[in-house]
Amino acid sequence: MKLEAGRLRGLTEELRSRAELGMKRDIQVAARAFGRVTKSEWFPSGPIVNGDDTAALKGDDGYTLFAAEGMRSEFVAADPWFSGFCSVLVNVNDIAAMGGRPWAVVDVLFLGDAGAERVLEGIVAASELLGVPVVGGHTTRVPGPTSLAVAVLGRARELIRGDGAKPGQTLIAAYDLGGAFRGSGGNFNAATTAPAAKVRSALAILPELAEAGLARAGKDISMAGTCGTLLMMLEASGVGAVLELERLPAPSGVDALRWLTAFPSYGFILAVEPSAVDEVVARFDSVHVHAAAVGSVTDTRRLELSAGGTRELYWDLRHGPLTGFGA
């Protein structure tokens, strides 16, 4: 990713002030609530501390994965078809980010304003593209805006976790750049026009990496953007990192702020052992996903951004949490 000389400080300040990052602070409410629970019949694992988007339930032959996402009502109103599509896609990304394969989807849809049926058309399109059946849900009419939430089940043999990063590991960023921004917002769409075989094979790389022992820590890039998503992994892991912005894969000519705050539709941050970097990058390359080593994990609990030989502090977790789900 190209960055103009002297822009790093201003860019870092802009990234910290983004509303999408502020929304992740709202998660602290959940962290306080579930961090207080004790081990019991209802909470057999005790407090929820890892901050992963997907729950991993251990079984005899691996893990059952369970994730859910809600779509913001303004997104649903502005782009109902794509919001339906994304409601499935983001859940499937959460499953892949944990080293899993999606199994089945259910939806909860409160149909409001006229035209909201387009949401269902988007859900069906994503289900068919990703090969994940919609097996049930709840649909009803309501006055006012349409509301949408989707949950997904998946399976994993080995896990990639959001709290698994360790000092000395190398950061790898992987994106599908074969798309374009949808409208003027932050949604980079690399999915709806791609062949199903490409989309599915790209997602399958994550569980393959987990099963090969090549990746144990990672997250999918959410609306918090690349830096915010990385910060969430660092917080959960109790570590820090230096992110080298000029090494990030990016679409040609894209503005740095727009790319760093984008939801890329296919984007993952992994922390891997240095000896595994070449193999991990090669596996992404084999499915036409752009991947690169983009930094390193440190023991500082600080996320620093680097470009042009200089560094700027993005966040110091010693002085304040983001989500509150920390080591």
C-alpha atoms as a PDB file:
ATOM      1  CA  MET A   1       0.000   0.000   0.000  1.00  0.00           C
ATOM      2  CA  LYS A   2       1.394   3.365  -1.008  1.00  0.00           C
ATOM      3  CA  LEU A   3       1.565   6.115   1.581  1.00  0.00           C
ATOM      4  CA  GLU A   4       2.511   9.710   0.886  1.00  0.00           C
ATOM      5  CA  ALA A   5       5.621  10.994   2.666  1.00  0.00           C
ATOM      6  CA  GLY A   6       4.805  12.652   5.959  1.00  0.00           C
ATOM      7  CA  ARG A   7       1.244  11.301   6.152  1.00  0.00           C
ATOM      8  CA  LEU A   8       1.738   8.630   8.797  1.00  0.00           C
ATOM      9  CA  ARG A   9       1.021  10.814  11.849  1.00  0.00           C
ATOM     10  CA  GLY A  10      -2.152  12.334  10.446  1.00  0.00           C
ATOM     11  CA  LEU A  11      -3.337   8.979   9.129  1.00  0.00           C
ATOM     12  CA  THR A  12      -2.826   7.368  12.524  1.00  0.00           C
ATOM     13  CA  GLU A  13      -4.877  10.091  14.213  1.00  0.00           C
ATOM     14  CA  GLU A  14      -7.654   9.683  11.637  1.00  0.00           C
ATOM     15  CA  LEU A  15      -7.723   5.918  12.155  1.00  0.00           C
ATOM     16  CA  ARG A  16      -8.041   6.273  15.934  1.00  0.00           C
ATOM     17  CA  SER A  17     -10.968   8.671  15.578  1.00  0.00           C
ATOM     18  CA  ARG A  18     -13.089   6.458  13.317  1.00  0.00           C
ATOM     19  CA  ALA A  19     -16.605   5.668  14.518  1.00  0.00           C
ATOM     20  CA  GLU A  20     -16.187   2.004  13.547  1.00  0.00           C
ATOM     21  CA  LEU A  21     -13.349   1.664  16.058  1.00  0.00           C
ATOM     22  CA  GLY A  22     -15.419   3.435  18.689  1.00  0.00           C
ATOM     23  CA  MET A  23     -18.150   0.852  18.215  1.00  0.00           C
ATOM     24  CA  LYS A  24     -15.721  -1.850  19.297  1.00  0.00           C
ATOM     25  CA  ARG A  25     -15.426  -0.068  22.642  1.00  0.00           C
ATOM     26  CA  ASP A  26     -19.103  -0.848  23.168  1.00  0.00           C
ATOM     27  CA  ILE A  27     -18.067  -4.497  23.504  1.00  0.00           C
ATOM     28  CA  GLN A  28     -16.657  -3.584  26.921  1.00  0.00           C
ATOM     29  CA  VAL A  29     -20.231  -3.830  28.238  1.00  0.00           C
ATOM     30  CA  ALA A  30     -20.298  -7.522  27.312  1.00  0.00           C
ATOM     31  CA  ALA A  31     -16.751  -8.064  28.553  1.00  0.00           C
ATOM     32  CA  ARG A  32     -17.696  -6.707  31.983  1.00  0.00           C
ATOM     33  CA  ALA A  33     -20.832  -8.847  32.157  1.00  0.00           C
ATOM     34  CA  PHE A  34     -19.373 -12.142  31.021  1.00  0.00           C
ATOM     35  CA  GLY A  35     -16.009 -11.570  32.675  1.00  0.00           C
ATOM     36  CA  ARG A  36     -17.769 -11.706  36.038  1.00  0.00           C
ATOM     37  CA  VAL A  37     -19.361 -15.131  35.611  1.00  0.00           C
ATOM     38  CA  THR A  38     -17.971 -18.108  37.476  1.00  0.00           C
ATOM     39  CA  LYS A  39     -17.777 -21.695  36.348  1.00  0.00           C
ATOM     40  CA  SER A  40     -21.167 -23.344  36.747  1.00  0.00           C
ATOM     41  CA  GLU A  41     -23.713 -25.591  35.099  1.00  0.00           C
ATOM     42  CA  TRP A  42     -24.698 -22.711  32.808  1.00  0.00           C
ATOM     43  CA  PHE A  43     -21.149 -21.456  32.163  1.00  0.00           C
ATOM     44  CA  PRO A  44     -19.060 -24.653  32.175  1.00  0.00           C
ATOM     45  CA  SER A  45     -15.952 -22.906  30.843  1.00  0.00           C
ATOM     46  CA  GLY A  46     -16.137 -20.034  33.307  1.00  0.00           C
ATOM     47  CA  PRO A  47     -15.607 -16.418  32.165  1.00  0.00           C
ATOM     48  CA  ILE A  48     -15.565 -15.641  28.450  1.00  0.00           C
ATOM     49  CA  VAL A  49     -12.128 -14.093  28.015  1.00  0.00           C
ATOM     50  CA  ASN A  50     -10.788 -14.748  24.519  1.00  0.00           C
ATOM     51  CA  GLY A  51     -12.885 -12.263  22.518  1.00  0.00           C
ATOM     52  CA  ASP A  52     -13.294 -14.502  19.463  1.00  0.00           C
ATOM     53  CA  ASP A  53     -16.255 -13.872  17.160  1.00  0.00           C
ATOM     54  CA  THR A  54     -17.019 -17.592  17.134  1.00  0.00           C
ATOM     55  CA  ALA A  55     -17.675 -19.948  20.024  1.00  0.00           C
ATOM     56  CA  ALA A  56     -15.754 -23.224  19.803  1.00  0.00           C
ATOM     57  CA  LEU A  57     -17.445 -26.157  21.557  1.00  0.00           C
ATOM     58  CA  LYS A  58     -15.122 -29.150  22.021  1.00  0.00           C
ATOM     59  CA  GLY A  59     -16.350 -32.541  20.885  1.00  0.00           C
ATOM     60  CA  ASP A  60     -14.940 -35.998  20.336  1.00  0.00           C
ATOM     61  CA  ASP A  61     -13.840 -35.285  16.760  1.00  0.00           C
ATOM     62  CA  GLY A  62     -12.945 -31.593  16.920  1.00  0.00           C
ATOM     63  CA  TYR A  63     -15.049 -28.502  17.496  1.00  0.00           C
ATOM     64  CA  THR A  64     -18.529 -27.270  16.707  1.00  0.00           C
ATOM     65  CA  LEU A  65     -18.362 -23.565  15.885  1.00  0.00           C
ATOM     66  CA  PHE A  66     -21.233 -21.166  16.527  1.00  0.00           C
ATOM     67  CA  ALA A  67     -21.312 -17.510  15.436  1.00  0.00           C
ATOM     68  CA  ALA A  68     -23.895 -14.771  14.953  1.00  0.00           C
ATOM     69  CA  GLU A  69     -23.981 -11.262  13.464  1.00  0.00           C
ATOM     70  CA  GLY A  70     -26.529  -8.456  13.316  1.00  0.00           C
ATOM     71  CA  MET A  71     -26.729  -5.985  10.433  1.00  0.00           C
ATOM     72  CA  ARG A  72     -27.024  -2.282  11.198  1.00  0.00           C
ATOM     73  CA  SER A  73     -30.487  -1.007  10.293  1.00  0.00           C
ATOM     74  CA  GLU A  74     -29.148   1.877   8.200  1.00  0.00           C
ATOM     75  CA  PHE A  75     -27.132  -0.588   6.102  1.00  0.00           C
ATOM     76  CA  VAL A  76     -30.196  -2.773   5.601  1.00  0.00           C
ATOM     77  CA  ALA A  77     -32.251   0.242   4.531  1.00  0.00           C
ATOM     78  CA  ALA A  78     -29.618   1.617   2.153  1.00  0.00           C
ATOM     79  CA  ASP A  79     -28.629  -1.649   0.433  1.00  0.00           C
ATOM     80  CA  PRO A  80     -31.052  -4.441   1.364  1.00  0.00           C
ATOM     81  CA  TRP A  81     -29.786  -7.062  -1.111  1.00  0.00           C
ATOM     82  CA  PHE A  82     -26.128  -6.593  -0.164  1.00  0.00           C
ATOM     83  CA  SER A  83     -26.908  -6.465   3.550  1.00  0.00           C
ATOM     84  CA  GLY A  84     -28.606  -9.854   3.190  1.00  0.00           C
ATOM     85  CA  PHE A  85     -25.616 -11.177   1.278  1.00  0.00           C
ATOM     86  CA  CYS A  86     -23.170  -9.821   3.860  1.00  0.00           C
ATOM     87  CA  SER A  87     -25.131 -11.240   6.775  1.00  0.00           C
ATOM     88  CA  VAL A  88     -24.152 -14.716   5.576  1.00  0.00           C
ATOM     89  CA  LEU A  89     -20.683 -13.755   4.340  1.00  0.00           C
ATOM     90  CA  VAL A  90     -19.489 -12.187   7.598  1.00  0.00           C
ATOM     91  CA  ASN A  91     -20.624 -15.235   9.555  1.00  0.00           C
ATOM     92  CA  VAL A  92     -18.833 -17.581   7.177  1.00  0.00           C
ATOM     93  CA  ASN A  93     -15.706 -15.418   7.510  1.00  0.00           C
ATOM     94  CA  ASP A  94     -15.937 -15.771  11.299  1.00  0.00           C
ATOM     95  CA  ILE A  95     -16.039 -19.545  10.940  1.00  0.00           C
ATOM     96  CA  ALA A  96     -13.067 -19.559   8.545  1.00  0.00           C
ATOM     97  CA  ALA A  97     -11.096 -17.237  10.830  1.00  0.00           C
ATOM     98  CA  MET A  98     -11.365 -19.874  13.588  1.00  0.00           C
ATOM     99  CA  GLY A  99     -10.051 -22.589  11.265  1.00  0.00           C
ATOM    100  CA  GLY A 100     -13.477 -23.990  10.469  1.00  0.00           C
ATOM    101  CA  ARG A 101     -15.770 -24.879   7.613  1.00  0.00           C
ATOM    102  CA  PRO A 102     -19.344 -23.544   7.570  1.00  0.00           C
ATOM    103  CA  TRP A 103     -22.170 -26.010   8.034  1.00  0.00           C
ATOM    104  CA  ALA A 104     -25.567 -24.279   8.162  1.00  0.00           C
ATOM    105  CA  VAL A 105     -27.220 -20.872   8.567  1.00  0.00           C
ATOM    106  CA  VAL A 106     -30.366 -19.548  10.254  1.00  0.00           C
ATOM    107  CA  ASP A 107     -31.737 -16.009   9.987  1.00  0.00           C
ATOM    108  CA  VAL A 108     -33.909 -13.705  12.075  1.00  0.00           C
ATOM    109  CA  LEU A 109     -35.629 -11.143   9.863  1.00  0.00           C
ATOM    110  CA  PHE A 110     -38.126  -8.482  10.913  1.00  0.00           C
ATOM    111  CA  LEU A 111     -39.514  -7.255   7.590  1.00  0.00           C
ATOM    112  CA  GLY A 112     -40.312  -3.591   7.797  1.00  0.00           C
ATOM    113  CA  ASP A 113     -40.338  -1.013   5.024  1.00  0.00           C
ATOM    114  CA  ALA A 114     -41.402  -1.875   1.470  1.00  0.00           C
ATOM    115  CA  GLY A 115     -38.813  -3.718  -0.595  1.00  0.00           C
ATOM    116  CA  ALA A 116     -37.246  -5.526   2.326  1.00  0.00           C
ATOM    117  CA  GLU A 117     -37.821  -8.866   0.558  1.00  0.00           C
ATOM    118  CA  ARG A 118     -34.581  -8.014  -1.266  1.00  0.00           C
ATOM    119  CA  VAL A 119     -32.806  -8.912   1.974  1.00  0.00           C
ATOM    120  CA  LEU A 120     -33.941 -12.508   1.561  1.00  0.00           C
ATOM    121  CA  GLU A 121     -32.765 -12.543  -2.041  1.00  0.00           C
ATOM    122  CA  GLY A 122     -29.304 -11.507  -0.852  1.00  0.00           C
ATOM    123  CA  ILE A 123     -29.278 -14.250   1.794  1.00  0.00           C
ATOM    124  CA  VAL A 124     -30.183 -16.850  -0.835  1.00  0.00           C
ATOM    125  CA  ALA A 125     -27.462 -15.575  -3.203  1.00  0.00           C
ATOM    126  CA  ALA A 126     -24.796 -15.841  -0.492  1.00  0.00           C
ATOM    127  CA  SER A 127     -26.014 -19.280   0.572  1.00  0.00           C
ATOM    128  CA  GLU A 128     -25.689 -20.550  -2.996  1.00  0.00           C
ATOM    129  CA  LEU A 129     -22.315 -18.900  -3.660  1.00  0.00           C
ATOM    130  CA  LEU A 130     -20.748 -20.085  -0.409  1.00  0.00           C
ATOM    131  CA  GLY A 131     -22.389 -23.505  -0.396  1.00  0.00           C
ATOM    132  CA  VAL A 132     -23.920 -23.075   3.059  1.00  0.00           C
ATOM    133  CA  PRO A 133     -27.607 -24.021   3.350  1.00  0.00           C
ATOM    134  CA  VAL A 134     -30.167 -21.881   5.153  1.00  0.00           C
ATOM    135  CA  VAL A 135     -31.871 -24.446   7.384  1.00  0.00           C
ATOM    136  CA  GLY A 136     -34.345 -22.294   9.290  1.00  0.00           C
ATOM    137  CA  GLY A 137     -34.974 -19.028  11.055  1.00  0.00           C
ATOM    138  CA  HIS A 138     -37.675 -16.536  11.966  1.00  0.00           C
ATOM    139  CA  THR A 139     -39.428 -14.027   9.702  1.00  0.00           C
ATOM    140  CA  THR A 140     -42.213 -11.616  10.570  1.00  0.00           C
ATOM    141  CA  ARG A 141     -43.636  -8.245   9.510  1.00  0.00           C
ATOM    142  CA  VAL A 142     -43.102  -5.179  11.697  1.00  0.00           C
ATOM    143  CA  PRO A 143     -43.759  -1.457  11.291  1.00  0.00           C
ATOM    144  CA  GLY A 144     -40.711   0.730  10.663  1.00  0.00           C
ATOM    145  CA  PRO A 145     -37.228  -0.332   9.593  1.00  0.00           C
ATOM    146  CA  THR A 146     -36.156  -3.854   8.732  1.00  0.00           C
ATOM    147  CA  SER A 147     -33.924  -5.685  11.215  1.00  0.00           C
ATOM    148  CA  LEU A 148     -31.700  -8.636  10.370  1.00  0.00           C
ATOM    149  CA  ALA A 149     -29.478 -11.063  12.261  1.00  0.00           C
ATOM    150  CA  VAL A 150     -27.941 -14.343  11.109  1.00  0.00           C
ATOM    151  CA  ALA A 151     -26.284 -17.216  12.943  1.00  0.00           C
ATOM    152  CA  VAL A 152     -24.090 -19.973  11.524  1.00  0.00           C
ATOM    153  CA  LEU A 153     -22.796 -23.353  12.623  1.00  0.00           C
ATOM    154  CA  GLY A 154     -19.445 -24.733  11.515  1.00  0.00           C
ATOM    155  CA  ARG A 155     -16.957 -27.487  12.227  1.00  0.00           C
ATOM    156  CA  ALA A 156     -13.201 -27.397  12.881  1.00  0.00           C
ATOM    157  CA  ARG A 157     -10.554 -30.026  13.508  1.00  0.00           C
ATOM    158  CA  GLU A 158      -7.976 -27.502  14.760  1.00  0.00           C
ATOM    159  CA  LEU A 159      -8.487 -23.892  15.844  1.00  0.00           C
ATOM    160  CA  ILE A 160      -7.128 -20.518  14.839  1.00  0.00           C
ATOM    161  CA  ARG A 161      -7.786 -18.270  17.834  1.00  0.00           C
ATOM    162  CA  GLY A 162      -7.926 -14.549  18.414  1.00  0.00           C
ATOM    163  CA  ASP A 163      -5.909 -14.897  21.628  1.00  0.00           C
ATOM    164  CA  GLY A 164      -3.096 -17.011  20.218  1.00  0.00           C
ATOM    165  CA  ALA A 165      -0.534 -14.417  19.031  1.00  0.00           C
ATOM    166  CA  LYS A 166       2.925 -14.607  20.611  1.00  0.00           C
ATOM    167  CA  PRO A 167       5.964 -12.290  20.612  1.00  0.00           C
ATOM    168  CA  GLY A 168       8.377 -13.088  17.800  1.00  0.00           C
ATOM    169  CA  GLN A 169       5.691 -14.222  15.372  1.00  0.00           C
ATOM    170  CA  THR A 170       5.248 -12.638  11.961  1.00  0.00           C
ATOM    171  CA  LEU A 171       2.031 -10.892  10.937  1.00  0.00           C
ATOM    172  CA  ILE A 172       0.518 -11.903   7.600  1.00  0.00           C
ATOM    173  CA  ALA A 173      -2.288  -9.957   5.940  1.00  0.00           C
ATOM    174  CA  ALA A 174      -4.325 -11.696   3.230  1.00  0.00           C
ATOM    175  CA  TYR A 175      -6.925 -10.049   0.986  1.00  0.00           C
ATOM    176  CA  ASP A 176      -8.827 -10.899  -2.175  1.00  0.00           C
ATOM    177  CA  LEU A 177      -8.181  -7.803  -4.283  1.00  0.00           C
ATOM    178  CA  GLY A 178     -10.257  -8.989  -7.234  1.00  0.00           C
ATOM    179  CA  GLY A 179     -13.157  -6.669  -6.584  1.00  0.00           C
ATOM    180  CA  ALA A 180     -14.160  -3.042  -6.161  1.00  0.00           C
ATOM    181  CA  PHE A 181     -15.723  -0.744  -3.603  1.00  0.00           C
ATOM    182  CA  ARG A 182     -19.511  -0.882  -3.568  1.00  0.00           C
ATOM    183  CA  GLY A 183     -20.657   2.720  -3.746  1.00  0.00           C
ATOM    184  CA  SER A 184     -18.915   5.450  -1.785  1.00  0.00           C
ATOM    185  CA  GLY A 185     -18.753   3.607   1.538  1.00  0.00           C
ATOM    186  CA  GLY A 186     -16.282   1.211   3.076  1.00  0.00           C
ATOM    187  CA  ASN A 187     -17.489  -2.099   1.644  1.00  0.00           C
ATOM    188  CA  PHE A 188     -14.944  -3.625  -0.748  1.00  0.00           C
ATOM    189  CA  ASN A 189     -16.840  -6.307  -2.640  1.00  0.00           C
ATOM    190  CA  ALA A 190     -14.670  -9.202  -3.812  1.00  0.00           C
ATOM    191  CA  ALA A 191     -17.394 -11.822  -3.541  1.00  0.00           C
ATOM    192  CA  THR A 192     -20.610 -11.250  -5.495  1.00  0.00           C
ATOM    193  CA  THR A 193     -19.015 -11.326  -8.964  1.00  0.00           C
ATOM    194  CA  ALA A 194     -16.449 -14.052  -8.231  1.00  0.00           C
ATOM    195  CA  PRO A 195     -16.913 -17.703  -9.249  1.00  0.00           C
ATOM    196  CA  ALA A 196     -18.163 -19.903  -6.427  1.00  0.00           C
ATOM    197  CA  ALA A 197     -15.154 -22.207  -6.781  1.00  0.00           C
ATOM    198  CA  LYS A 198     -12.744 -19.325  -6.150  1.00  0.00           C
ATOM    199  CA  VAL A 199     -14.622 -17.981  -3.131  1.00  0.00           C
ATOM    200  CA  ARG A 200     -14.930 -21.396  -1.525  1.00  0.00           C
ATOM    201  CA  SER A 201     -11.319 -22.420  -2.169  1.00  0.00           C
ATOM    202  CA  ALA A 202     -10.068 -19.132  -0.694  1.00  0.00           C
ATOM    203  CA  LEU A 203     -12.089 -19.674   2.481  1.00  0.00           C
ATOM    204  CA  ALA A 204     -10.895 -23.286   2.698  1.00  0.00           C
ATOM    205  CA  ILE A 205      -7.289 -22.109   3.028  1.00  0.00           C
ATOM    206  CA  LEU A 206      -7.901 -21.083   6.654  1.00  0.00           C
ATOM    207  CA  PRO A 207      -8.903 -24.519   7.994  1.00  0.00           C
ATOM    208  CA  GLU A 208      -6.174 -26.074   5.864  1.00  0.00           C
ATOM    209  CA  LEU A 209      -3.601 -23.813   7.536  1.00  0.00           C
ATOM    210  CA  ALA A 210      -4.957 -24.728  10.960  1.00  0.00           C
ATOM    211  CA  GLU A 211      -4.912 -28.459  10.241  1.00  0.00           C
ATOM    212  CA  ALA A 212      -1.347 -28.238   8.912  1.00  0.00           C
ATOM    213  CA  GLY A 213      -0.212 -26.474  12.094  1.00  0.00           C
ATOM    214  CA  LEU A 214       0.845 -23.396  10.107  1.00  0.00           C
ATOM    215  CA  ALA A 215      -1.470 -20.892  11.824  1.00  0.00           C
ATOM    216  CA  ARG A 216      -2.806 -20.821  15.365  1.00  0.00           C
ATOM    217  CA  ALA A 217      -3.658 -17.116  15.761  1.00  0.00           C
ATOM    218  CA  GLY A 218      -5.737 -14.834  13.580  1.00  0.00           C
ATOM    219  CA  LYS A 219      -8.909 -12.857  12.943  1.00  0.00           C
ATOM    220  CA  ASP A 220     -11.010 -11.863   9.966  1.00  0.00           C
ATOM    221  CA  ILE A 221     -10.947  -8.142   9.175  1.00  0.00           C
ATOM    222  CA  SER A 222     -14.198  -6.581  10.341  1.00  0.00           C
ATOM    223  CA  MET A 223     -15.650  -3.070  10.169  1.00  0.00           C
ATOM    224  CA  ALA A 224     -12.961  -2.070  12.664  1.00  0.00           C
ATOM    225  CA  GLY A 225     -10.633  -2.178   9.656  1.00  0.00           C
ATOM    226  CA  THR A 226      -7.207  -3.745   9.387  1.00  0.00           C
ATOM    227  CA  CYS A 227      -5.647  -1.867  12.315  1.00  0.00           C
ATOM    228  CA  GLY A 228      -8.653  -2.192  14.592  1.00  0.00           C
ATOM    229  CA  THR A 229      -8.971  -5.913  13.906  1.00  0.00           C
ATOM    230  CA  LEU A 230      -5.282  -6.442  14.589  1.00  0.00           C
ATOM    231  CA  LEU A 231      -5.624  -4.489  17.837  1.00  0.00           C
ATOM    232  CA  MET A 232      -8.433  -6.799  18.954  1.00  0.00           C
ATOM    233  CA  MET A 233      -6.183  -9.826  18.412  1.00  0.00           C
ATOM    234  CA  LEU A 234      -3.321  -8.168  20.275  1.00  0.00           C
ATOM    235  CA  GLU A 235      -5.602  -7.250  23.177  1.00  0.00           C
ATOM    236  CA  ALA A 236      -6.920 -10.793  23.507  1.00  0.00           C
ATOM    237  CA  SER A 237      -3.393 -12.209  23.284  1.00  0.00           C
ATOM    238  CA  GLY A 238      -1.788  -9.761  25.721  1.00  0.00           C
ATOM    239  CA  VAL A 239       0.860  -8.682  23.204  1.00  0.00           C
ATOM    240  CA  GLY A 240       1.760  -5.787  20.882  1.00  0.00           C
ATOM    241  CA  ALA A 241       2.906  -5.423  17.280  1.00  0.00           C
ATOM    242  CA  VAL A 242       4.521  -3.252  14.654  1.00  0.00           C
ATOM    243  CA  LEU A 243       2.433  -3.065  11.454  1.00  0.00           C
ATOM    244  CA  GLU A 244       4.349  -2.023   8.332  1.00  0.00           C
ATOM    245  CA  LEU A 245       1.709  -0.231   6.292  1.00  0.00           C
ATOM    246  CA  GLU A 246       3.684  -0.086   3.060  1.00  0.00           C
ATOM    247  CA  ARG A 247       3.804  -3.893   2.938  1.00  0.00           C
ATOM    248  CA  LEU A 248       0.010  -4.288   3.091  1.00  0.00           C
ATOM    249  CA  PRO A 249      -1.561  -5.664  -0.098  1.00  0.00           C
ATOM    250  CA  ALA A 250      -4.070  -3.119  -1.450  1.00  0.00           C
ATOM    251  CA  PRO A 251      -6.036  -2.370  -4.627  1.00  0.00           C
ATOM    252  CA  SER A 252      -4.200  -0.165  -7.093  1.00  0.00           C
ATOM    253  CA  GLY A 253      -4.695   3.551  -6.473  1.00  0.00           C
ATOM    254  CA  VAL A 254      -6.835   3.200  -3.337  1.00  0.00           C
ATOM    255  CA  ASP A 255      -6.549   5.851  -0.639  1.00  0.00           C
ATOM    256  CA  ALA A 256      -4.765   4.521   2.448  1.00  0.00           C
ATOM    257  CA  LEU A 257      -7.448   5.671   4.909  1.00  0.00           C
ATOM    258  CA  ARG A 258     -10.236   4.124   2.875  1.00  0.00           C
ATOM    259  CA  TRP A 259      -8.433   0.801   2.575  1.00  0.00           C
ATOM    260  CA  LEU A 260      -7.397   0.594   6.208  1.00  0.00           C
ATOM    261  CA  THR A 261     -10.978   1.216   7.360  1.00  0.00           C
ATOM    262  CA  ALA A 262     -12.646  -1.000   4.741  1.00  0.00           C
ATOM    263  CA  PHE A 263     -14.562  -4.209   5.239  1.00  0.00           C
ATOM    264  CA  PRO A 264     -12.734  -6.141   2.484  1.00  0.00           C
ATOM    265  CA  SER A 265     -15.244  -9.039   2.200  1.00  0.00           C
ATOM    266  CA  TYR A 266     -12.237 -11.387   2.258  1.00  0.00           C
ATOM    267  CA  GLY A 267      -9.499 -10.213   4.597  1.00  0.00           C
ATOM    268  CA  PHE A 268      -7.586 -11.982   7.374  1.00  0.00           C
ATOM    269  CA  ILE A 269      -4.749 -11.133   9.765  1.00  0.00           C
ATOM    270  CA  LEU A 270      -2.651 -14.079  10.979  1.00  0.00           C
ATOM    271  CA  ALA A 271       0.267 -14.376  13.383  1.00  0.00           C
ATOM    272  CA  VAL A 272       2.561 -17.241  12.387  1.00  0.00           C
ATOM    273  CA  GLU A 273       6.017 -18.513  13.197  1.00  0.00           C
ATOM    274  CA  PRO A 274       8.707 -16.980  10.944  1.00  0.00           C
ATOM    275  CA  SER A 275       9.546 -20.435   9.578  1.00  0.00           C
ATOM    276  CA  ALA A 276       5.962 -20.790   8.281  1.00  0.00           C
ATOM    277  CA  VAL A 277       5.692 -17.457   6.447  1.00  0.00           C
ATOM    278  CA  ASP A 278       6.714 -18.617   2.978  1.00  0.00           C
ATOM    279  CA  GLU A 279       4.409 -21.643   3.067  1.00  0.00           C
ATOM    280  CA  VAL A 280       1.436 -19.629   4.321  1.00  0.00           C
ATOM    281  CA  VAL A 281       1.887 -16.932   1.663  1.00  0.00           C
ATOM    282  CA  ALA A 282       2.277 -19.590  -1.042  1.00  0.00           C
ATOM    283  CA  ARG A 283      -0.981 -21.264  -0.027  1.00  0.00           C
ATOM    284  CA  PHE A 284      -2.874 -17.986  -0.331  1.00  0.00           C
ATOM    285  CA  ASP A 285      -1.181 -17.294  -3.668  1.00  0.00           C
ATOM    286  CA  SER A 286      -2.389 -20.675  -4.945  1.00  0.00           C
ATOM    287  CA  VAL A 287      -6.021 -19.460  -4.704  1.00  0.00           C
ATOM    288  CA  HIS A 288      -5.281 -15.974  -6.081  1.00  0.00           C
ATOM    289  CA  VAL A 289      -5.377 -14.230  -2.711  1.00  0.00           C
ATOM    290  CA  HIS A 290      -2.792 -11.506  -2.108  1.00  0.00           C
ATOM    291  CA  ALA A 291      -0.855 -12.189   1.098  1.00  0.00           C
ATOM    292  CA  ALA A 292       2.294 -10.702   2.563  1.00  0.00           C
ATOM    293  CA  ALA A 293       4.337 -10.504   5.755  1.00  0.00           C
ATOM    294  CA  VAL A 294       3.403  -7.090   7.140  1.00  0.00           C
ATOM    295  CA  GLY A 295       4.958  -6.827  10.586  1.00  0.00           C
ATOM    296  CA  SER A 296       5.854  -8.591  13.795  1.00  0.00           C
ATOM    297  CA  VAL A 297       4.346  -9.396  17.166  1.00  0.00           C
ATOM    298  CA  THR A 298       6.059  -7.824  20.185  1.00  0.00           C
ATOM    299  CA  ASP A 299       5.767  -8.058  23.969  1.00  0.00           C
ATOM    300  CA  THR A 300       4.955  -4.350  24.398  1.00  0.00           C
ATOM    301  CA  ARG A 301       1.111  -4.379  24.312  1.00  0.00           C
ATOM    302  CA  ARG A 302       1.456  -1.389  21.964  1.00  0.00           C
ATOM    303  CA  LEU A 303       0.325  -1.330  18.339  1.00  0.00           C
ATOM    304  CA  GLU A 304       2.663   0.854  16.315  1.00  0.00           C
ATOM    305  CA  LEU A 305       2.216   1.747  12.648  1.00  0.00           C
ATOM    306  CA  SER A 306       5.328   2.020  10.486  1.00  0.00           C
ATOM    307  CA  ALA A 307       5.953   3.706   7.133  1.00  0.00           C
ATOM    308  CA  GLY A 308       8.830   5.561   5.481  1.00  0.00           C
ATOM    309  CA  GLY A 309      11.227   4.658   8.253  1.00  0.00           C
ATOM    310  CA  THR A 310       9.079   6.227  10.984  1.00  0.00           C
ATOM    311  CA  ARG A 311       6.616   4.888  13.554  1.00  0.00           C
ATOM    312  CA  GLU A 312       3.484   6.221  15.202  1.00  0.00           C
ATOM    313  CA  LEU A 313       1.643   4.828  18.200  1.00  0.00           C
ATOM    314  CA  TYR A 314      -1.854   3.673  17.266  1.00  0.00           C
ATOM    315  CA  TRP A 315      -2.879   2.273  20.657  1.00  0.00           C
ATOM    316  CA  ASP A 316      -1.289   1.427  24.004  1.00  0.00           C
ATOM    317  CA  LEU A 317      -3.254  -1.370  25.643  1.00  0.00           C
ATOM    318  CA  ARG A 318      -1.435  -0.813  28.936  1.00  0.00           C
ATOM    319  CA  HIS A 319      -3.296   2.489  29.273  1.00  0.00           C
ATOM    320  CA  GLY A 320      -6.736   1.520  27.993  1.00  0.00           C
ATOM    321  CA  PRO A 321      -8.639  -1.464  26.580  1.00  0.00           C
ATOM    322  CA  LEU A 322     -10.518  -1.592  23.284  1.00  0.00           C
ATOM    323  CA  THR A 323     -13.072  -4.388  23.693  1.00  0.00           C
ATOM    324  CA  GLY A 324     -12.181  -5.400  27.235  1.00  0.00           C
ATOM    325  CA  PHE A 325     -11.645  -9.027  26.190  1.00  0.00           C
ATOM    326  CA  GLY A 326      -7.976  -9.094  27.074  1.00  0.00           C
ATOM    327  CA  ALA A 327      -5.390 -11.410  28.482  1.00  0.00           C
END
